[in-house]
Amino acid sequence: MSDKTTTLADLRAEVQTFVDEREWRQFHSPKNLAMSIAIESAELMEHFQWLENAEAKAIVDKAETMQQVREELADILCFALSFANALEIDVSTALREKMVKNAAKYPADRFRGRFR
């Protein structure tokens, strides 16, 4: 299954089934999940630490490193979806609401090609 055929609800259910089969809900407090997201994010960052931009982009050509990067991203997503499950956050709604705020904060006509 790919991004084109998998829904966010599918992924949330898959993560929740995994957690439930192991009886891990007791450990999946919002605090623990938030910390896990940060820890996994740091593990992803380690793959890019000290690299120049061109070197970071070239990781796509290194199969073993790319697989490790994919796995770290998957870990982040698993914990993020578990966090959403734990707090019953509708991720699509949260994302869309945040994008509206971002669009107001960073109007395209003023920020095109710039970050400040």
C-alpha atoms as a PDB file:
ATOM      1  CA  MET A   1       0.000   0.000   0.000  1.00  0.00           C
ATOM      2  CA  SER A   2       1.230   3.478  -0.785  1.00  0.00           C
ATOM      3  CA  ASP A   3       0.407   7.023   0.296  1.00  0.00           C
ATOM      4  CA  LYS A   4      -1.993   7.211  -2.637  1.00  0.00           C
ATOM      5  CA  THR A   5      -4.121   4.327  -1.369  1.00  0.00           C
ATOM      6  CA  THR A   6      -3.710   4.460   2.414  1.00  0.00           C
ATOM      7  CA  THR A   7      -5.752   6.787   4.584  1.00  0.00           C
ATOM      8  CA  LEU A   8      -4.649   8.390   7.810  1.00  0.00           C
ATOM      9  CA  ALA A   9      -7.425   6.416   9.523  1.00  0.00           C
ATOM     10  CA  ASP A  10      -5.894   3.200   8.153  1.00  0.00           C
ATOM     11  CA  LEU A  11      -2.512   4.083   9.614  1.00  0.00           C
ATOM     12  CA  ARG A  12      -3.973   5.127  12.967  1.00  0.00           C
ATOM     13  CA  ALA A  13      -5.867   1.847  13.195  1.00  0.00           C
ATOM     14  CA  GLU A  14      -2.780  -0.172  12.271  1.00  0.00           C
ATOM     15  CA  VAL A  15      -0.713   1.562  14.956  1.00  0.00           C
ATOM     16  CA  GLN A  16      -3.486   1.145  17.543  1.00  0.00           C
ATOM     17  CA  THR A  17      -3.842  -2.559  16.743  1.00  0.00           C
ATOM     18  CA  PHE A  18      -0.095  -3.005  17.186  1.00  0.00           C
ATOM     19  CA  VAL A  19      -0.205  -1.190  20.548  1.00  0.00           C
ATOM     20  CA  ASP A  20      -3.293  -3.083  21.729  1.00  0.00           C
ATOM     21  CA  GLU A  21      -1.897  -6.506  20.805  1.00  0.00           C
ATOM     22  CA  ARG A  22       1.015  -5.797  23.131  1.00  0.00           C
ATOM     23  CA  GLU A  23      -1.112  -4.163  25.860  1.00  0.00           C
ATOM     24  CA  TRP A  24       1.014  -1.023  25.649  1.00  0.00           C
ATOM     25  CA  ARG A  25      -1.748   1.583  26.131  1.00  0.00           C
ATOM     26  CA  GLN A  26      -0.774   1.696  29.796  1.00  0.00           C
ATOM     27  CA  PHE A  27       2.612   3.095  28.739  1.00  0.00           C
ATOM     28  CA  HIS A  28       1.323   5.423  26.029  1.00  0.00           C
ATOM     29  CA  SER A  29       0.638   8.522  28.067  1.00  0.00           C
ATOM     30  CA  PRO A  30       0.791  11.830  26.194  1.00  0.00           C
ATOM     31  CA  LYS A  31       4.008  12.679  28.083  1.00  0.00           C
ATOM     32  CA  ASN A  32       5.727   9.417  27.146  1.00  0.00           C
ATOM     33  CA  LEU A  33       4.597   9.659  23.539  1.00  0.00           C
ATOM     34  CA  ALA A  34       5.711  13.295  23.225  1.00  0.00           C
ATOM     35  CA  MET A  35       9.114  12.314  24.597  1.00  0.00           C
ATOM     36  CA  SER A  36       9.294   9.371  22.187  1.00  0.00           C
ATOM     37  CA  ILE A  37       8.573  11.671  19.235  1.00  0.00           C
ATOM     38  CA  ALA A  38      11.441  13.928  20.318  1.00  0.00           C
ATOM     39  CA  ILE A  39      13.820  11.003  20.843  1.00  0.00           C
ATOM     40  CA  GLU A  40      13.056   9.475  17.444  1.00  0.00           C
ATOM     41  CA  SER A  41      13.396  12.912  15.824  1.00  0.00           C
ATOM     42  CA  ALA A  42      16.867  13.222  17.337  1.00  0.00           C
ATOM     43  CA  GLU A  43      17.760   9.800  15.921  1.00  0.00           C
ATOM     44  CA  LEU A  44      16.682  11.026  12.481  1.00  0.00           C
ATOM     45  CA  MET A  45      18.743  14.183  12.877  1.00  0.00           C
ATOM     46  CA  GLU A  46      21.857  12.139  13.654  1.00  0.00           C
ATOM     47  CA  HIS A  47      21.916  10.936  10.040  1.00  0.00           C
ATOM     48  CA  PHE A  48      22.271  14.535   8.848  1.00  0.00           C
ATOM     49  CA  GLN A  49      24.436  16.011  11.578  1.00  0.00           C
ATOM     50  CA  TRP A  50      27.529  17.735  10.190  1.00  0.00           C
ATOM     51  CA  LEU A  51      26.525  17.198   6.546  1.00  0.00           C
ATOM     52  CA  GLU A  52      26.443  20.005   4.026  1.00  0.00           C
ATOM     53  CA  ASN A  53      23.151  20.422   2.138  1.00  0.00           C
ATOM     54  CA  ALA A  54      24.462  18.636  -0.948  1.00  0.00           C
ATOM     55  CA  GLU A  55      25.651  15.692   1.172  1.00  0.00           C
ATOM     56  CA  ALA A  56      22.292  15.503   2.953  1.00  0.00           C
ATOM     57  CA  LYS A  57      20.446  15.377  -0.356  1.00  0.00           C
ATOM     58  CA  ALA A  58      22.829  12.679  -1.611  1.00  0.00           C
ATOM     59  CA  ILE A  59      21.648  10.299   1.123  1.00  0.00           C
ATOM     60  CA  VAL A  60      18.911   9.240  -1.282  1.00  0.00           C
ATOM     61  CA  ASP A  61      21.622   7.457  -3.286  1.00  0.00           C
ATOM     62  CA  LYS A  62      22.917   5.494  -0.273  1.00  0.00           C
ATOM     63  CA  ALA A  63      20.600   2.500   0.124  1.00  0.00           C
ATOM     64  CA  GLU A  64      21.591   1.464   3.650  1.00  0.00           C
ATOM     65  CA  THR A  65      21.480   4.992   5.063  1.00  0.00           C
ATOM     66  CA  MET A  66      18.248   5.713   3.231  1.00  0.00           C
ATOM     67  CA  GLN A  67      16.665   2.622   4.800  1.00  0.00           C
ATOM     68  CA  GLN A  68      17.738   3.813   8.251  1.00  0.00           C
ATOM     69  CA  VAL A  69      16.294   7.278   7.558  1.00  0.00           C
ATOM     70  CA  ARG A  70      13.011   5.732   6.398  1.00  0.00           C
ATOM     71  CA  GLU A  71      12.833   3.663   9.584  1.00  0.00           C
ATOM     72  CA  GLU A  72      13.438   6.699  11.793  1.00  0.00           C
ATOM     73  CA  LEU A  73      10.720   8.610   9.966  1.00  0.00           C
ATOM     74  CA  ALA A  74       8.380   5.633  10.415  1.00  0.00           C
ATOM     75  CA  ASP A  75       9.162   5.580  14.146  1.00  0.00           C
ATOM     76  CA  ILE A  76       8.305   9.287  14.404  1.00  0.00           C
ATOM     77  CA  LEU A  77       5.042   8.738  12.544  1.00  0.00           C
ATOM     78  CA  CYS A  78       4.131   5.730  14.706  1.00  0.00           C
ATOM     79  CA  PHE A  79       4.590   7.725  17.877  1.00  0.00           C
ATOM     80  CA  ALA A  80       2.819  10.776  16.414  1.00  0.00           C
ATOM     81  CA  LEU A  81      -0.176   8.644  15.441  1.00  0.00           C
ATOM     82  CA  SER A  82      -0.154   6.977  18.874  1.00  0.00           C
ATOM     83  CA  PHE A  83      -0.121  10.468  20.396  1.00  0.00           C
ATOM     84  CA  ALA A  84      -3.113  11.429  18.266  1.00  0.00           C
ATOM     85  CA  ASN A  85      -4.873   8.232  19.316  1.00  0.00           C
ATOM     86  CA  ALA A  86      -4.129   8.827  23.008  1.00  0.00           C
ATOM     87  CA  LEU A  87      -5.553  12.367  22.939  1.00  0.00           C
ATOM     88  CA  GLU A  88      -8.202  11.711  20.281  1.00  0.00           C
ATOM     89  CA  ILE A  89      -6.783  14.403  18.011  1.00  0.00           C
ATOM     90  CA  ASP A  90      -8.162  14.447  14.492  1.00  0.00           C
ATOM     91  CA  VAL A  91      -4.866  14.871  12.654  1.00  0.00           C
ATOM     92  CA  SER A  92      -6.391  16.070   9.371  1.00  0.00           C
ATOM     93  CA  THR A  93      -8.364  18.792  11.132  1.00  0.00           C
ATOM     94  CA  ALA A  94      -5.397  19.814  13.282  1.00  0.00           C
ATOM     95  CA  LEU A  95      -3.139  20.042  10.233  1.00  0.00           C
ATOM     96  CA  ARG A  96      -5.611  22.016   8.162  1.00  0.00           C
ATOM     97  CA  GLU A  97      -6.273  24.451  11.025  1.00  0.00           C
ATOM     98  CA  LYS A  98      -2.534  24.959  11.465  1.00  0.00           C
ATOM     99  CA  MET A  99      -2.043  25.534   7.732  1.00  0.00           C
ATOM    100  CA  VAL A 100      -4.663  28.307   7.847  1.00  0.00           C
ATOM    101  CA  LYS A 101      -2.724  29.949  10.692  1.00  0.00           C
ATOM    102  CA  ASN A 102       0.563  29.473   8.808  1.00  0.00           C
ATOM    103  CA  ALA A 103      -0.901  31.041   5.662  1.00  0.00           C
ATOM    104  CA  ALA A 104      -1.955  34.101   7.664  1.00  0.00           C
ATOM    105  CA  LYS A 105       1.403  34.316   9.441  1.00  0.00           C
ATOM    106  CA  TYR A 106       3.454  33.757   6.271  1.00  0.00           C
ATOM    107  CA  PRO A 107       1.548  35.213   3.304  1.00  0.00           C
ATOM    108  CA  ALA A 108       2.947  33.841   0.049  1.00  0.00           C
ATOM    109  CA  ASP A 109       3.320  37.279  -1.532  1.00  0.00           C
ATOM    110  CA  ARG A 110       5.598  38.402   1.342  1.00  0.00           C
ATOM    111  CA  PHE A 111       7.485  35.174   2.001  1.00  0.00           C
ATOM    112  CA  ARG A 112       7.972  33.644  -1.446  1.00  0.00           C
ATOM    113  CA  GLY A 113      11.593  32.534  -1.601  1.00  0.00           C
ATOM    114  CA  ARG A 114      12.369  33.894   1.879  1.00  0.00           C
ATOM    115  CA  PHE A 115      12.053  32.593   5.415  1.00  0.00           C
ATOM    116  CA  ARG A 116      11.998  36.008   7.149  1.00  0.00           C
END
